Amino acid sequence: MRRRHLMTAAATSVLALALAACGQTGTNSPGSNGGAGDKPYIAIVSKGFQHQFWQAVKKGAEQEAAKEGATITFEGPATEKEVEAQITMLTNAIAKKPAAIGFAALDSKAAEGLLQQTKSQNIPVIAFDSGVDSDVPLTTAATDNTAAAAEAAKHMSELLGGQGKVAMVVHDQTSLTGQQRRDGFIEWMKANAPGITLLPVQYGDGDQAKSADITKSILAANPDVKGIYGSNEGSATGVVKGVQESGRTGVTIIGFDSGKAQIDAINSGVMAGAITQNPVGMGEALVKAAMRAVKGESLEKKIDTGYFWYDKKNINDPKIQAVLYQ
């Protein structure tokens, strides 16, 4: 009888060890922070999944992760106005103890407390697309949004002959991208186009339907508007929709980003042109920087991922096609 008890106890110990082993974090699971034999895990929290732009960033991040031998997760709130939902996602990402975090902030100030937490836990943070008011991120992989918005303003002025009333539908005023794409456009116009009158900025949360309604209201209140600028994919697509639904013609529309709706609008002549970023390249730069940080390598404070003007004349150029997304 004693022998049977001893055998049972031994079997129980073996089973317990096996279960414990099964419960350990695998090499491809969140929580694998790059220990011996593990793939480094990078948790990426974006501003949303609402637009194809974020799918393109995700594609670039996945491609680079495969090259670097890393594992990533990529998530974001349903819309780009859900700051609290994004903060919850960042909180959960930190709890998984990743090797590094990629973060594109909806609100440049709201995440500071959490970012300080990552610093205390020695989790490197790479900002992307939209920077934060914090010294925690080691670098920011992003478009020079101020310069890109100035380029949009320059083309708008040229297309209008330096004269006329121009409206702006901006995606938000809390993220650095929203602020920079607004201010870059305004500052260029003030410095270089005295004949352009800018209407007060309207904010559409990057939502197509809301931006379309705002556009229709602008046109109803200002029938002499000559141009409208939309500062991201949702804003620009909404502007196109609003102009079309209002029945107006002769309004010069300039957008930001790409996506099928904007590409179709440019090809059809409804939209004059747009600024495109390099979202796939941004995703690649984000993961590349994260892996350098994991290895303890130093990083430059900013990684400029570039921007391009495109219109009906150059939209089929291979260089432009490489940075557009459907």
Protein backbone atom coordinates (compact mmCIF):
# COMPACT_ATOMS: atom_id res chain seq x y z
CA MET A 1 0.00 0.00 0.00
CA ARG A 2 2.82 2.41 0.91
CA ARG A 3 4.47 1.71 -2.45
CA ARG A 4 1.23 2.61 -4.24
CA HIS A 5 1.04 5.90 -2.31
CA LEU A 6 4.62 6.73 -3.25
CA MET A 7 3.96 6.01 -6.93
CA THR A 8 0.82 8.15 -6.86
CA ALA A 9 2.70 11.02 -5.25
CA ALA A 10 5.46 10.76 -7.86
CA ALA A 11 2.93 10.74 -10.69
CA THR A 12 1.18 13.77 -9.20
CA SER A 13 4.48 15.67 -9.03
CA VAL A 14 5.27 14.89 -12.67
CA LEU A 15 1.79 16.02 -13.72
CA ALA A 16 2.15 19.25 -11.75
CA LEU A 17 5.47 19.99 -13.42
CA ALA A 18 4.00 19.30 -16.83
CA LEU A 19 1.04 21.61 -16.19
CA ALA A 20 3.37 24.33 -14.93
CA ALA A 21 5.44 24.02 -18.09
CA CYS A 22 2.31 24.27 -20.23
CA GLY A 23 1.29 27.42 -18.37
CA GLN A 24 4.54 29.25 -19.13
CA THR A 25 4.58 31.95 -21.79
CA GLY A 26 5.42 30.57 -25.20
CA THR A 27 7.83 32.14 -27.65
CA ASN A 28 5.04 33.69 -29.70
CA SER A 29 2.75 34.68 -26.84
CA PRO A 30 2.17 38.13 -25.37
CA GLY A 31 4.28 38.42 -22.27
CA SER A 32 7.39 36.94 -23.88
CA ASN A 33 9.82 39.75 -23.23
CA GLY A 34 12.79 38.48 -25.11
CA GLY A 35 14.32 35.99 -22.67
CA ALA A 36 16.69 33.27 -23.83
CA GLY A 37 15.21 31.37 -26.76
CA ASP A 38 12.14 33.65 -26.95
CA LYS A 39 11.08 36.01 -29.70
CA PRO A 40 10.94 39.58 -28.35
CA TYR A 41 7.31 40.65 -27.99
CA ILE A 42 6.37 44.19 -29.08
CA ALA A 43 2.93 45.50 -28.10
CA ILE A 44 1.67 48.15 -30.54
CA VAL A 45 -1.24 50.44 -29.67
CA SER A 46 -2.39 52.57 -32.61
CA LYS A 47 -4.92 55.39 -32.84
CA GLY A 48 -7.54 53.14 -34.42
CA PHE A 49 -8.62 50.66 -37.03
CA GLN A 50 -11.17 53.02 -38.59
CA HIS A 51 -9.06 53.81 -41.64
CA GLN A 52 -7.05 51.77 -44.11
CA PHE A 53 -4.03 53.83 -43.07
CA TRP A 54 -3.72 51.80 -39.86
CA GLN A 55 -4.01 48.54 -41.74
CA ALA A 56 -1.09 49.67 -43.90
CA VAL A 57 0.98 50.56 -40.80
CA LYS A 58 0.12 47.14 -39.36
CA LYS A 59 1.27 45.46 -42.58
CA GLY A 60 4.63 47.23 -42.40
CA ALA A 61 5.05 46.32 -38.73
CA GLU A 62 4.27 42.66 -39.43
CA GLN A 63 6.71 42.56 -42.33
CA GLU A 64 9.55 44.02 -40.28
CA ALA A 65 8.74 41.79 -37.28
CA ALA A 66 9.10 38.74 -39.51
CA LYS A 67 12.51 39.99 -40.67
CA GLU A 68 13.66 40.84 -37.15
CA GLY A 69 12.42 37.63 -35.52
CA ALA A 70 9.95 39.44 -33.26
CA THR A 71 6.33 38.88 -32.29
CA ILE A 72 3.86 41.78 -32.29
CA THR A 73 0.30 42.57 -31.39
CA PHE A 74 -1.37 45.55 -33.09
CA GLU A 75 -4.56 47.09 -31.75
CA GLY A 76 -6.46 50.34 -31.58
CA PRO A 77 -9.89 51.67 -30.64
CA ALA A 78 -12.82 51.49 -33.04
CA THR A 79 -12.69 55.24 -33.74
CA GLU A 80 -10.08 57.95 -33.31
CA LYS A 81 -12.02 59.80 -30.62
CA GLU A 82 -12.00 56.98 -28.03
CA VAL A 83 -9.16 58.21 -25.85
CA GLU A 84 -10.27 56.24 -22.78
CA ALA A 85 -10.45 53.01 -24.77
CA GLN A 86 -6.91 53.61 -26.03
CA ILE A 87 -5.66 54.27 -22.49
CA THR A 88 -7.18 50.95 -21.41
CA MET A 89 -5.39 49.20 -24.28
CA LEU A 90 -2.08 50.78 -23.27
CA THR A 91 -2.66 49.72 -19.64
CA ASN A 92 -3.28 46.13 -20.75
CA ALA A 93 -0.23 46.20 -23.02
CA ILE A 94 2.01 47.26 -20.11
CA ALA A 95 0.57 44.46 -17.95
CA LYS A 96 1.81 41.91 -20.51
CA LYS A 97 5.40 43.05 -19.81
CA PRO A 98 6.49 43.29 -23.44
CA ALA A 99 10.04 43.83 -24.59
CA ALA A 100 8.94 47.17 -26.07
CA ILE A 101 5.80 49.19 -26.77
CA GLY A 102 4.80 51.15 -29.89
CA PHE A 103 2.30 53.93 -29.18
CA ALA A 104 0.42 56.42 -31.40
CA ALA A 105 -1.38 58.76 -29.00
CA LEU A 106 -4.90 60.04 -29.56
CA ASP A 107 -4.31 62.58 -26.81
CA SER A 108 -0.77 63.88 -26.52
CA LYS A 109 -1.03 64.36 -22.73
CA ALA A 110 -3.46 61.71 -21.45
CA ALA A 111 -0.98 58.83 -21.34
CA GLU A 112 1.84 60.50 -19.41
CA GLY A 113 1.20 58.59 -16.17
CA LEU A 114 1.26 55.25 -17.97
CA LEU A 115 4.36 56.21 -19.91
CA GLN A 116 6.14 56.98 -16.65
CA GLN A 117 5.11 53.49 -15.53
CA THR A 118 6.81 51.95 -18.57
CA LYS A 119 9.94 53.91 -17.71
CA SER A 120 9.96 52.58 -14.15
CA GLN A 121 9.58 49.05 -15.52
CA ASN A 122 12.36 49.56 -18.11
CA ILE A 123 10.01 48.94 -21.05
CA PRO A 124 11.21 51.06 -23.99
CA VAL A 125 8.50 53.04 -25.77
CA ILE A 126 8.58 54.00 -29.45
CA ALA A 127 6.07 56.66 -30.47
CA PHE A 128 4.73 56.55 -34.02
CA ASP A 129 2.51 58.66 -36.26
CA SER A 130 1.62 61.02 -33.42
CA GLY A 131 4.06 62.05 -30.72
CA VAL A 132 3.30 62.72 -27.06
CA ASP A 133 4.10 65.52 -24.62
CA SER A 134 6.57 63.33 -22.78
CA ASP A 135 10.25 62.56 -22.70
CA VAL A 136 9.60 58.84 -22.20
CA PRO A 137 9.49 57.66 -25.85
CA LEU A 138 12.99 57.02 -27.10
CA THR A 139 12.07 58.17 -30.60
CA THR A 140 9.08 59.03 -32.77
CA ALA A 141 8.65 57.43 -36.19
CA ALA A 142 6.39 59.83 -38.05
CA THR A 143 5.75 62.11 -40.98
CA ASP A 144 6.88 65.71 -40.61
CA ASN A 145 3.24 66.73 -40.40
CA THR A 146 3.89 70.46 -40.20
CA ALA A 147 5.90 70.42 -43.43
CA ALA A 148 3.39 68.08 -45.11
CA ALA A 149 0.49 70.39 -44.23
CA ALA A 150 2.46 73.35 -45.57
CA GLU A 151 2.87 71.42 -48.83
CA ALA A 152 -0.90 70.92 -48.96
CA ALA A 153 -1.42 74.66 -48.38
CA LYS A 154 1.06 75.53 -51.13
CA HIS A 155 -0.80 73.38 -53.66
CA MET A 156 -4.15 74.80 -52.56
CA SER A 157 -2.89 78.36 -53.04
CA GLU A 158 -1.43 77.55 -56.45
CA LEU A 159 -4.64 75.90 -57.63
CA LEU A 160 -6.71 78.89 -56.47
CA GLY A 161 -4.32 81.46 -57.92
CA GLY A 162 -3.62 82.79 -54.44
CA GLN A 163 -7.15 84.12 -53.99
CA GLY A 164 -10.34 82.93 -52.33
CA LYS A 165 -11.96 81.59 -49.21
CA VAL A 166 -10.67 78.25 -47.86
CA ALA A 167 -12.18 75.97 -45.21
CA MET A 168 -10.47 73.31 -43.11
CA VAL A 169 -11.92 70.07 -41.73
CA VAL A 170 -9.37 68.71 -39.24
CA HIS A 171 -9.54 65.32 -37.55
CA ASP A 172 -8.89 66.52 -33.98
CA GLN A 173 -7.21 69.10 -31.79
CA THR A 174 -5.81 66.76 -29.11
CA SER A 175 -3.27 64.69 -31.05
CA LEU A 176 -0.04 66.17 -32.34
CA THR A 177 -0.94 65.10 -35.89
CA GLY A 178 -4.16 67.09 -35.70
CA GLN A 179 -2.41 70.13 -34.28
CA GLN A 180 0.50 70.00 -36.72
CA ARG A 181 -1.60 69.40 -39.84
CA ARG A 182 -3.81 72.31 -38.83
CA ASP A 183 -1.03 74.71 -37.85
CA GLY A 184 1.27 73.85 -40.74
CA PHE A 185 -1.53 74.65 -43.21
CA ILE A 186 -2.54 77.88 -41.47
CA GLU A 187 1.01 79.17 -40.96
CA TRP A 188 1.99 78.64 -44.60
CA MET A 189 -1.12 80.46 -45.83
CA LYS A 190 -0.55 83.40 -43.47
CA ALA A 191 3.08 83.74 -44.54
CA ASN A 192 2.72 83.17 -48.26
CA ALA A 193 -0.87 83.70 -49.46
CA PRO A 194 -2.31 87.05 -48.28
CA GLY A 195 -5.13 86.70 -50.80
CA ILE A 196 -6.43 83.51 -49.15
CA THR A 197 -9.05 83.92 -46.41
CA LEU A 198 -9.15 80.99 -43.98
CA LEU A 199 -12.43 80.14 -42.29
CA PRO A 200 -12.40 78.95 -38.64
CA VAL A 201 -11.19 75.36 -38.29
CA GLN A 202 -13.88 72.70 -37.98
CA TYR A 203 -13.20 69.34 -36.28
CA GLY A 204 -14.77 66.10 -37.52
CA ASP A 205 -13.02 63.45 -35.37
CA GLY A 206 -11.71 61.82 -38.55
CA ASP A 207 -15.23 60.45 -39.05
CA GLN A 208 -16.48 60.43 -42.65
CA ALA A 209 -20.15 61.05 -41.86
CA LYS A 210 -19.45 63.84 -39.37
CA SER A 211 -16.93 65.47 -41.72
CA ALA A 212 -19.46 65.29 -44.57
CA ASP A 213 -22.09 67.02 -42.45
CA ILE A 214 -19.60 69.70 -41.42
CA THR A 215 -18.70 70.25 -45.08
CA LYS A 216 -22.34 70.69 -46.08
CA SER A 217 -22.80 73.22 -43.28
CA ILE A 218 -19.71 75.14 -44.39
CA LEU A 219 -20.94 75.30 -47.97
CA ALA A 220 -24.43 76.36 -46.92
CA ALA A 221 -23.08 79.19 -44.75
CA ASN A 222 -20.31 80.18 -47.19
CA PRO A 223 -21.46 79.72 -50.80
CA ASP A 224 -18.31 81.50 -52.02
CA VAL A 225 -15.89 78.92 -50.57
CA LYS A 226 -13.26 78.05 -53.19
CA GLY A 227 -11.31 75.31 -51.43
CA ILE A 228 -11.56 72.79 -48.59
CA TYR A 229 -8.71 70.92 -46.90
CA GLY A 230 -9.29 67.58 -45.11
CA SER A 231 -6.47 66.67 -42.73
CA ASN A 232 -6.66 62.85 -42.73
CA GLU A 233 -8.29 59.96 -44.57
CA GLY A 234 -11.66 60.18 -42.83
CA SER A 235 -11.77 63.98 -42.96
CA ALA A 236 -10.85 64.17 -46.65
CA THR A 237 -13.25 61.41 -47.66
CA GLY A 238 -15.98 63.16 -45.69
CA VAL A 239 -15.24 66.45 -47.45
CA VAL A 240 -15.59 64.75 -50.84
CA LYS A 241 -18.87 63.20 -49.75
CA GLY A 242 -20.17 66.49 -48.37
CA VAL A 243 -19.33 68.43 -51.53
CA GLN A 244 -20.98 65.79 -53.70
CA GLU A 245 -24.11 65.60 -51.54
CA SER A 246 -24.43 69.38 -51.55
CA GLY A 247 -24.43 69.39 -55.33
CA ARG A 248 -21.63 71.94 -55.46
CA THR A 249 -19.08 72.07 -58.25
CA GLY A 250 -15.92 74.13 -58.63
CA VAL A 251 -14.67 73.52 -55.08
CA THR A 252 -10.98 72.60 -54.90
CA ILE A 253 -10.52 69.72 -52.44
CA ILE A 254 -7.14 68.72 -51.03
CA GLY A 255 -6.78 65.78 -48.71
CA PHE A 256 -4.30 63.88 -46.58
CA ASP A 257 -3.44 60.15 -46.66
CA SER A 258 -4.88 57.88 -49.34
CA GLY A 259 -7.35 54.99 -49.35
CA LYS A 260 -9.63 53.91 -52.18
CA ALA A 261 -12.15 56.73 -51.77
CA GLN A 262 -9.51 59.46 -52.13
CA ILE A 263 -7.74 57.67 -54.97
CA ASP A 264 -11.05 57.33 -56.84
CA ALA A 265 -11.88 61.00 -56.16
CA ILE A 266 -8.53 62.12 -57.58
CA ASN A 267 -8.83 59.90 -60.64
CA SER A 268 -12.34 61.22 -61.29
CA GLY A 269 -11.29 64.86 -60.80
CA VAL A 270 -13.49 65.50 -57.75
CA MET A 271 -10.40 65.93 -55.55
CA ALA A 272 -7.45 67.98 -56.79
CA GLY A 273 -4.80 66.01 -54.90
CA ALA A 274 -3.57 64.92 -51.50
CA ILE A 275 -0.57 64.35 -49.30
CA THR A 276 0.27 60.72 -48.72
CA GLN A 277 2.42 59.43 -45.93
CA ASN A 278 4.36 56.18 -46.07
CA PRO A 279 2.34 54.01 -43.66
CA VAL A 280 4.00 50.71 -44.52
CA GLY A 281 7.39 52.35 -44.06
CA MET A 282 6.19 53.83 -40.76
CA GLY A 283 5.26 50.38 -39.46
CA GLU A 284 8.63 49.03 -40.54
CA ALA A 285 10.50 51.93 -38.90
CA LEU A 286 8.53 51.46 -35.68
CA VAL A 287 9.47 47.79 -35.29
CA LYS A 288 13.04 48.37 -36.40
CA ALA A 289 13.45 51.08 -33.75
CA ALA A 290 11.81 48.89 -31.10
CA MET A 291 14.24 46.07 -31.80
CA ARG A 292 17.20 48.44 -31.60
CA ALA A 293 15.89 49.63 -28.24
CA VAL A 294 15.51 46.06 -27.00
CA LYS A 295 19.16 45.48 -27.92
CA GLY A 296 20.22 48.58 -26.00
CA GLU A 297 21.20 50.57 -29.08
CA SER A 298 20.82 54.35 -29.14
CA LEU A 299 18.15 55.97 -31.29
CA GLU A 300 17.79 59.37 -32.92
CA LYS A 301 14.95 61.41 -31.39
CA LYS A 302 12.94 61.53 -34.62
CA ILE A 303 12.60 59.17 -37.55
CA ASP A 304 11.14 61.01 -40.55
CA THR A 305 9.12 58.49 -42.56
CA GLY A 306 8.43 60.91 -45.42
CA TYR A 307 5.48 62.31 -47.37
CA PHE A 308 4.52 62.87 -51.02
CA TRP A 309 2.10 65.07 -52.96
CA TYR A 310 0.02 63.13 -55.47
CA ASP A 311 -2.61 64.11 -58.00
CA LYS A 312 -4.00 62.87 -61.29
CA LYS A 313 -0.71 63.67 -63.07
CA ASN A 314 1.59 61.51 -60.94
CA ILE A 315 -0.72 59.01 -59.22
CA ASN A 316 0.51 56.16 -61.44
CA ASP A 317 4.19 56.91 -60.88
CA PRO A 318 5.78 53.78 -59.33
CA LYS A 319 7.23 55.87 -56.48
CA ILE A 320 3.76 57.16 -55.60
CA GLN A 321 2.08 53.79 -56.07
CA ALA A 322 4.54 52.34 -53.56
CA VAL A 323 3.21 54.57 -50.77
CA LEU A 324 -0.50 54.53 -51.59
CA TYR A 325 -2.89 52.05 -50.06
CA GLN A 326 -6.41 50.96 -50.94
